[in-house]
Protein backbone atom coordinates (compact mmCIF):
# COMPACT_ATOMS: atom_id res chain seq x y z
CA MET A 1 45.80 -46.74 -62.09
CA GLN A 2 47.76 -45.36 -59.17
CA ILE A 3 47.47 -41.70 -60.55
CA ALA A 4 43.75 -42.18 -61.03
CA VAL A 5 43.30 -43.39 -57.48
CA ARG A 6 45.26 -40.35 -56.12
CA SER A 7 43.06 -38.08 -58.36
CA ARG A 8 39.86 -39.43 -57.01
CA THR A 9 41.10 -39.20 -53.46
CA LEU A 10 42.00 -35.61 -54.01
CA ARG A 11 38.73 -34.67 -55.50
CA SER A 12 36.88 -36.39 -52.66
CA VAL A 13 38.91 -34.37 -49.94
CA THR A 14 38.57 -31.16 -52.02
CA SER A 15 34.81 -31.64 -52.27
CA LYS A 16 34.31 -32.48 -48.62
CA THR A 17 36.26 -29.45 -47.56
CA ALA A 18 34.52 -27.09 -49.83
CA TYR A 19 31.08 -28.30 -48.63
CA THR A 20 32.21 -27.89 -45.04
CA ALA A 21 33.54 -24.42 -45.77
CA ALA A 22 30.09 -23.74 -47.23
CA GLY A 23 28.55 -24.51 -43.94
CA VAL A 24 27.48 -28.10 -44.25
CA ASP A 25 29.31 -30.78 -42.27
CA ILE A 26 28.36 -34.18 -43.62
CA SER A 27 30.72 -36.07 -41.36
CA LEU A 28 29.43 -34.40 -38.25
CA ALA A 29 25.91 -35.15 -39.34
CA ASP A 30 26.76 -38.90 -39.89
CA THR A 31 28.45 -39.03 -36.49
CA LEU A 32 25.38 -37.53 -34.63
CA LYS A 33 22.94 -39.88 -36.64
CA SER A 34 24.94 -42.87 -35.63
CA GLY A 35 24.39 -41.95 -31.99
CA LEU A 36 20.60 -41.86 -32.27
CA LYS A 37 20.00 -45.53 -32.34
CA ASP A 38 20.08 -45.92 -28.53
CA LYS A 39 17.82 -43.08 -27.98
CA VAL A 40 15.39 -44.27 -30.73
CA ARG A 41 15.38 -47.88 -29.70
CA LYS A 42 13.68 -47.04 -26.50
CA THR A 43 10.60 -45.66 -28.38
CA LEU A 44 10.13 -48.70 -30.70
CA ARG A 45 7.12 -50.96 -30.79
CA ARG A 46 6.91 -54.55 -31.75
CA GLU A 47 5.30 -53.48 -35.15
CA VAL A 48 8.52 -51.77 -36.06
CA PHE A 49 11.00 -53.69 -38.11
CA GLY A 50 14.03 -53.13 -40.36
CA ALA A 51 17.18 -51.35 -39.62
CA ILE A 52 17.12 -47.85 -38.00
CA GLY A 53 18.45 -45.29 -40.39
CA GLY A 54 16.96 -46.61 -43.69
CA PHE A 55 15.41 -44.48 -46.42
CA GLY A 56 12.01 -45.20 -44.98
CA GLY A 57 10.72 -46.40 -41.56
CA LEU A 58 8.93 -49.71 -41.54
CA PHE A 59 5.87 -50.31 -39.52
CA ALA A 60 3.58 -53.43 -39.83
CA LEU A 61 0.16 -52.51 -38.62
CA ASP A 62 -1.24 -55.26 -36.32
CA LEU A 63 -4.41 -56.43 -38.24
CA LYS A 64 -5.26 -58.79 -35.37
CA LYS A 65 -5.70 -55.81 -33.10
CA TYR A 66 -7.53 -53.66 -35.63
CA LYS A 67 -10.46 -55.17 -37.55
CA ARG A 68 -11.39 -52.05 -39.67
CA PRO A 69 -8.49 -49.57 -39.04
CA VAL A 70 -8.53 -46.02 -40.06
CA LEU A 71 -5.09 -44.47 -40.33
CA VAL A 72 -4.97 -40.83 -38.95
CA SER A 73 -2.06 -38.55 -39.73
CA SER A 74 -1.19 -35.00 -38.65
CA MET A 75 1.76 -32.63 -38.88
CA ASP A 76 2.83 -29.66 -36.76
CA GLY A 77 5.72 -27.63 -35.47
CA VAL A 78 6.82 -25.79 -32.27
CA GLY A 79 6.51 -22.41 -33.70
CA THR A 80 8.35 -19.38 -32.14
CA LYS A 81 8.56 -21.05 -28.72
CA LEU A 82 11.86 -22.20 -30.30
CA LYS A 83 13.05 -18.53 -29.93
CA ILE A 84 12.80 -19.13 -26.10
CA ALA A 85 14.61 -22.36 -26.15
CA VAL A 86 17.46 -20.85 -28.13
CA ALA A 87 17.70 -17.78 -25.90
CA MET A 88 17.82 -20.06 -22.78
CA ASN A 89 19.99 -22.50 -24.42
CA ARG A 90 17.63 -25.31 -23.35
CA HIS A 91 16.46 -27.64 -26.07
CA ASP A 92 15.23 -30.75 -24.17
CA THR A 93 11.71 -29.60 -23.73
CA VAL A 94 10.66 -28.47 -27.29
CA GLY A 95 10.98 -32.04 -28.56
CA GLN A 96 8.54 -33.16 -26.03
CA ASP A 97 6.23 -30.25 -26.92
CA LEU A 98 6.24 -31.30 -30.50
CA VAL A 99 5.41 -34.97 -29.84
CA ASN A 100 2.59 -34.15 -27.32
CA HIS A 101 1.11 -31.58 -29.70
CA CYS A 102 0.94 -34.12 -32.52
CA VAL A 103 -0.36 -36.90 -30.27
CA ASN A 104 -3.11 -34.54 -29.04
CA ASP A 105 -4.12 -33.59 -32.55
CA ILE A 106 -4.81 -37.16 -33.61
CA ALA A 107 -6.23 -38.02 -30.13
CA THR A 108 -9.15 -35.80 -30.88
CA VAL A 109 -10.56 -38.51 -33.21
CA GLY A 110 -9.61 -41.41 -30.86
CA ALA A 111 -6.51 -42.48 -32.68
CA GLU A 112 -3.82 -44.45 -31.01
CA PRO A 113 -0.35 -42.91 -31.90
CA LEU A 114 1.68 -45.36 -33.72
CA PHE A 115 4.70 -43.67 -35.08
CA LEU A 116 6.34 -40.33 -35.70
CA LEU A 117 8.93 -38.75 -38.10
CA ASP A 118 10.68 -35.58 -37.12
CA TYR A 119 12.41 -32.77 -39.23
CA VAL A 120 15.29 -30.65 -37.67
CA GLY A 121 16.49 -27.86 -39.94
CA MET A 122 19.50 -25.85 -38.69
CA GLY A 123 21.86 -23.27 -40.21
CA LYS A 124 24.83 -24.90 -38.67
CA LEU A 125 24.67 -28.30 -36.99
CA SER A 126 25.21 -28.10 -33.21
CA PRO A 127 25.88 -31.50 -31.57
CA CYS A 128 24.71 -30.40 -28.10
CA VAL A 129 21.49 -28.80 -29.42
CA PHE A 130 20.82 -31.70 -31.81
CA ASN A 131 21.15 -34.22 -28.94
CA GLU A 132 18.96 -32.37 -26.59
CA ILE A 133 16.24 -32.10 -29.16
CA VAL A 134 16.28 -35.72 -30.05
CA ALA A 135 16.39 -36.84 -26.37
CA GLY A 136 13.17 -34.63 -25.78
CA LEU A 137 11.53 -36.34 -28.86
CA ALA A 138 12.63 -39.84 -27.71
CA LYS A 139 11.45 -39.16 -24.11
CA ALA A 140 7.89 -38.07 -25.05
CA CYS A 141 7.55 -40.84 -27.61
CA ALA A 142 8.53 -43.48 -25.23
CA GLU A 143 6.08 -42.12 -22.64
CA THR A 144 3.14 -42.28 -25.01
CA GLY A 145 4.07 -45.52 -26.71
CA CYS A 146 4.73 -43.87 -30.04
CA ALA A 147 7.71 -45.17 -32.19
CA LEU A 148 10.23 -42.71 -33.53
CA ILE A 149 10.96 -44.37 -36.62
CA GLY A 150 12.72 -41.78 -38.88
CA GLY A 151 13.32 -38.14 -39.69
CA GLU A 152 15.34 -35.67 -41.51
CA THR A 153 18.27 -33.39 -40.28
CA ALA A 154 18.80 -30.59 -42.72
CA GLN A 155 21.82 -28.22 -42.64
CA MET A 156 20.87 -25.05 -44.49
CA PRO A 157 23.43 -22.29 -43.96
CA GLU A 158 22.05 -18.77 -44.51
CA MET A 159 18.44 -20.04 -44.34
CA TYR A 160 18.49 -19.77 -40.55
CA ALA A 161 20.02 -17.18 -38.36
CA THR A 162 22.92 -18.31 -36.16
CA GLY A 163 21.76 -20.51 -33.49
CA ASP A 164 18.09 -20.83 -34.84
CA TYR A 165 16.57 -23.96 -35.98
CA ASP A 166 13.12 -25.44 -36.96
CA LEU A 167 11.44 -28.46 -35.61
CA VAL A 168 8.48 -30.26 -37.26
CA ALA A 169 7.04 -33.71 -37.13
CA THR A 170 4.49 -35.98 -38.83
CA ILE A 171 2.47 -38.51 -36.72
CA VAL A 172 0.45 -41.48 -37.83
CA GLY A 173 -2.10 -43.23 -35.61
CA ALA A 174 -4.95 -45.62 -35.97
CA VAL A 175 -8.45 -46.07 -34.70
CA GLU A 176 -11.21 -48.56 -35.26
CA ARG A 177 -13.72 -47.22 -37.70
CA ASP A 178 -16.56 -47.86 -35.33
CA ARG A 179 -14.76 -45.94 -32.59
CA LEU A 180 -13.84 -42.93 -34.63
CA ILE A 181 -14.64 -39.77 -32.89
CA ASP A 182 -15.90 -37.42 -35.69
CA GLY A 183 -18.24 -35.07 -33.95
CA SER A 184 -21.36 -36.48 -35.52
CA LYS A 185 -22.81 -37.58 -32.23
CA ILE A 186 -22.63 -34.13 -30.61
CA ARG A 187 -26.03 -32.91 -29.65
CA PRO A 188 -27.52 -29.81 -28.01
CA GLY A 189 -27.43 -30.50 -24.28
CA ASP A 190 -24.00 -32.22 -24.29
CA ALA A 191 -21.69 -30.99 -21.72
CA ILE A 192 -18.29 -29.49 -22.53
CA VAL A 193 -15.58 -30.71 -20.25
CA GLY A 194 -12.20 -28.70 -20.43
CA LEU A 195 -8.80 -30.38 -19.55
CA ALA A 196 -6.37 -28.05 -18.05
CA SER A 197 -3.28 -26.84 -19.95
CA THR A 198 0.20 -26.46 -18.53
CA GLY A 199 0.58 -23.04 -19.72
CA LEU A 200 0.91 -21.57 -23.38
CA HIS A 201 1.68 -24.98 -24.72
CA THR A 202 2.93 -24.19 -28.37
CA ASN A 203 0.82 -21.23 -29.52
CA GLY A 204 0.71 -17.59 -29.14
CA TYR A 205 4.40 -17.14 -28.67
CA ALA A 206 4.72 -14.29 -31.22
CA LEU A 207 2.38 -12.16 -29.17
CA ALA A 208 3.68 -13.34 -25.76
CA ARG A 209 7.19 -12.39 -26.75
CA GLN A 210 6.04 -8.94 -28.03
CA VAL A 211 4.20 -8.27 -24.81
CA LEU A 212 6.88 -9.50 -22.35
CA PHE A 213 10.08 -8.55 -24.06
CA VAL A 214 8.99 -5.28 -25.95
CA LYS A 215 6.20 -3.80 -23.99
CA MET A 216 6.97 -5.02 -20.46
CA ARG A 217 10.72 -5.14 -21.02
CA VAL A 218 11.23 -8.20 -18.75
CA ARG A 219 14.02 -10.81 -19.20
CA LEU A 220 13.78 -14.52 -19.43
CA ASP A 221 15.75 -15.02 -16.09
CA ASP A 222 13.60 -12.34 -14.24
CA TYR A 223 11.66 -13.91 -11.29
CA CYS A 224 7.84 -13.26 -11.28
CA SER A 225 6.05 -13.97 -8.07
CA GLU A 226 2.80 -14.28 -9.91
CA LEU A 227 4.21 -17.11 -11.90
CA GLY A 228 6.19 -18.68 -9.04
CA GLY A 229 9.34 -18.80 -11.11
CA THR A 230 11.12 -17.08 -13.99
CA TYR A 231 9.54 -15.94 -17.28
CA GLY A 232 11.72 -18.38 -19.06
CA GLU A 233 10.64 -21.27 -16.91
CA GLU A 234 7.02 -20.40 -17.45
CA LEU A 235 7.43 -20.07 -21.21
CA LEU A 236 9.21 -23.54 -21.52
CA LYS A 237 6.59 -25.44 -19.69
CA ILE A 238 5.83 -28.72 -21.66
CA HIS A 239 2.81 -29.07 -23.62
CA ALA A 240 0.45 -31.41 -21.94
CA ASN A 241 -0.32 -34.82 -23.39
CA TYR A 242 -4.10 -35.64 -23.19
CA TRP A 243 -3.94 -39.28 -24.65
CA PRO A 244 -3.72 -40.86 -21.38
CA VAL A 245 -7.20 -39.53 -20.69
CA ILE A 246 -8.87 -39.98 -24.12
CA ARG A 247 -7.63 -43.57 -24.62
CA LYS A 248 -9.48 -44.65 -21.47
CA LEU A 249 -12.82 -42.94 -22.40
CA THR A 250 -15.93 -44.44 -24.29
CA GLY A 251 -18.78 -42.58 -25.39
CA LEU A 252 -16.95 -39.35 -26.37
CA HIS A 253 -19.09 -37.28 -28.82
CA GLY A 254 -16.40 -34.85 -29.89
CA ALA A 255 -12.86 -33.48 -28.83
CA ALA A 256 -11.05 -30.26 -29.88
CA HIS A 257 -7.39 -29.53 -29.24
CA ILE A 258 -7.08 -25.89 -28.28
CA THR A 259 -4.10 -24.76 -30.18
CA GLY A 260 -3.61 -21.83 -32.72
CA GLY A 261 -6.85 -20.09 -33.15
CA GLY A 262 -7.94 -20.58 -29.53
CA PHE A 263 -11.56 -21.58 -28.77
CA SER A 264 -13.28 -19.87 -31.72
CA GLY A 265 -10.82 -21.34 -34.11
CA ASN A 266 -10.80 -24.90 -32.95
CA ILE A 267 -14.09 -25.95 -31.34
CA PRO A 268 -16.11 -25.35 -34.68
CA ARG A 269 -13.99 -27.76 -36.45
CA VAL A 270 -15.73 -30.65 -34.70
CA LEU A 271 -19.30 -29.32 -34.35
CA PRO A 272 -22.20 -30.47 -36.53
CA LYS A 273 -23.87 -27.85 -38.68
CA HIS A 274 -26.73 -27.45 -36.25
CA CYS A 275 -24.76 -26.93 -33.08
CA SER A 276 -22.82 -24.33 -31.26
CA ALA A 277 -20.75 -24.17 -28.16
CA GLU A 278 -21.40 -21.95 -25.18
CA ILE A 279 -18.33 -21.48 -22.98
CA HIS A 280 -18.63 -20.16 -19.46
CA ARG A 281 -15.50 -18.15 -18.87
CA GLU A 282 -15.88 -18.13 -15.09
CA SER A 283 -16.00 -21.99 -14.79
CA TRP A 284 -12.33 -22.42 -14.41
CA ILE A 285 -9.49 -20.27 -12.97
CA VAL A 286 -7.40 -18.82 -15.82
CA PRO A 287 -3.65 -19.29 -15.04
CA PRO A 288 -1.73 -16.16 -14.01
CA VAL A 289 0.38 -16.09 -17.13
CA PHE A 290 -2.57 -15.24 -19.29
CA ARG A 291 -3.74 -12.39 -17.06
CA LEU A 292 -0.29 -11.06 -17.00
CA LEU A 293 -0.08 -11.04 -20.76
CA GLN A 294 -3.50 -9.44 -21.14
CA GLN A 295 -2.77 -6.70 -18.70
CA GLY A 296 0.78 -6.14 -19.84
CA GLY A 297 -0.15 -5.87 -23.62
CA GLY A 298 -3.60 -4.41 -23.22
CA VAL A 299 -5.00 -7.36 -25.15
CA SER A 300 -8.92 -7.69 -25.36
CA ASP A 301 -10.80 -10.70 -23.99
CA GLU A 302 -11.84 -11.58 -27.58
CA GLU A 303 -8.25 -11.69 -28.75
CA MET A 304 -6.95 -13.46 -25.74
CA TYR A 305 -9.42 -16.30 -26.26
CA ARG A 306 -8.69 -16.42 -30.02
CA VAL A 307 -4.83 -16.58 -29.53
CA PHE A 308 -4.26 -18.50 -26.41
CA ASN A 309 -5.73 -21.64 -24.78
CA MET A 310 -6.36 -19.61 -21.51
CA GLY A 311 -5.74 -22.66 -19.35
CA ILE A 312 -7.88 -25.19 -21.31
CA GLY A 313 -5.80 -27.37 -23.61
CA MET A 314 -8.50 -29.77 -24.83
CA VAL A 315 -12.23 -29.83 -24.65
CA LEU A 316 -14.41 -32.96 -24.70
CA MET A 317 -18.11 -33.12 -25.62
CA VAL A 318 -20.04 -35.68 -23.70
CA ALA A 319 -23.49 -36.62 -22.50
CA PRO A 320 -24.23 -34.96 -19.21
CA ALA A 321 -24.48 -38.30 -17.54
CA ALA A 322 -20.79 -39.16 -18.53
CA VAL A 323 -19.17 -36.11 -17.15
CA GLY A 324 -18.44 -37.75 -13.77
CA ALA A 325 -16.53 -40.66 -15.51
CA VAL A 326 -14.62 -38.24 -17.56
CA GLN A 327 -13.43 -36.29 -14.65
CA LYS A 328 -12.41 -39.29 -12.74
CA VAL A 329 -10.34 -40.62 -15.64
CA ALA A 330 -8.72 -37.16 -15.93
CA ALA A 331 -7.98 -37.05 -12.12
CA LYS A 332 -6.25 -40.42 -12.34
CA ALA A 333 -4.12 -39.22 -15.11
CA GLY A 334 -3.09 -36.05 -12.99
CA ILE A 335 -5.01 -33.61 -15.20
CA ARG A 336 -7.47 -31.15 -13.75
CA SER A 337 -10.77 -30.91 -15.52
CA PHE A 338 -13.75 -28.53 -15.45
CA VAL A 339 -17.27 -28.41 -16.83
CA ILE A 340 -16.83 -25.28 -18.89
CA GLY A 341 -20.09 -25.08 -21.01
CA GLU A 342 -22.71 -26.83 -23.06
CA ILE A 343 -23.61 -27.51 -26.61
CA ARG A 344 -26.59 -25.37 -27.89
CA LYS A 345 -28.52 -25.18 -31.05
CA GLY A 346 -26.61 -22.92 -33.50
CA ALA A 347 -24.53 -22.57 -36.51
CA ARG A 348 -20.95 -23.89 -35.66
CA GLU A 349 -19.99 -21.02 -33.51
CA VAL A 350 -18.46 -20.42 -30.12
CA ARG A 351 -20.15 -17.92 -27.64
CA LEU A 352 -18.03 -16.88 -24.55
CA VAL A 353 -20.36 -15.92 -21.83
């Protein structure tokens, strides 16, 4: 028996050492995960129960609050904005980007964010980077009232270059069936209200990096007077969260999150067959970063509005009489808004005029 015990102990140590040598440190991962509880606890809602760190997150939907609930889910990542975070060695903002992006996606149908699960994939687990990412996730979840109830941390040596990582999340929300915003009420004559973005948000970074660092040959720590800060500071600006506006509005006919695909790729997703959107490009001031990218890269107007949000992160379709109320709510939430166009008869297209 004694020999057998020694044999098992030896095999255990050898296995652990071999796996660590191969690039996967299970003990470090366990240590980091054990420290998550305090951060995650701040995000929890009363519907969450069960121990943190189980195989599945538990959430009991409040059926007294919702009579005919529709669950809404979405999944997204941060994209190559992570390259900027890695280059600047600052990782506390991208977690916030991810949460806010996911929240905005389900906000377009009027869904309250309930809980979120994240995925972090790294070649080699870095405690500092991991803790900063999770701190950002927890901060944004707490601010929006969304519980961070679980996730996955994957160590995959040779899959990611040294220092690189991936960051993805799935969000689940709920909305009353009779308050679902599905675009079916959009009519010709409706006004289109644009909510201001904070910058590039989480889209177009492949092109932005090509223009800035290859064509213009600038550096992240270079100061740009047009931007009022460094290029790195501009590129890491946090994705705006529009749920504080949408949650307080009634009578919304439609909403579109302006992400990858820009105006032409996102607005048609919520338009009825008989409607088109006419966007007046002169109705808001395009932030300097987009003009800088366009001029520095020689990018056409058409491509700019197809790749970037151009300063408008969310568009809302409402009856003309409701515009004042929408803008008042947005102002109280600290978000600038503009009447940027109207709905016309057409075939699910966007016209930039």
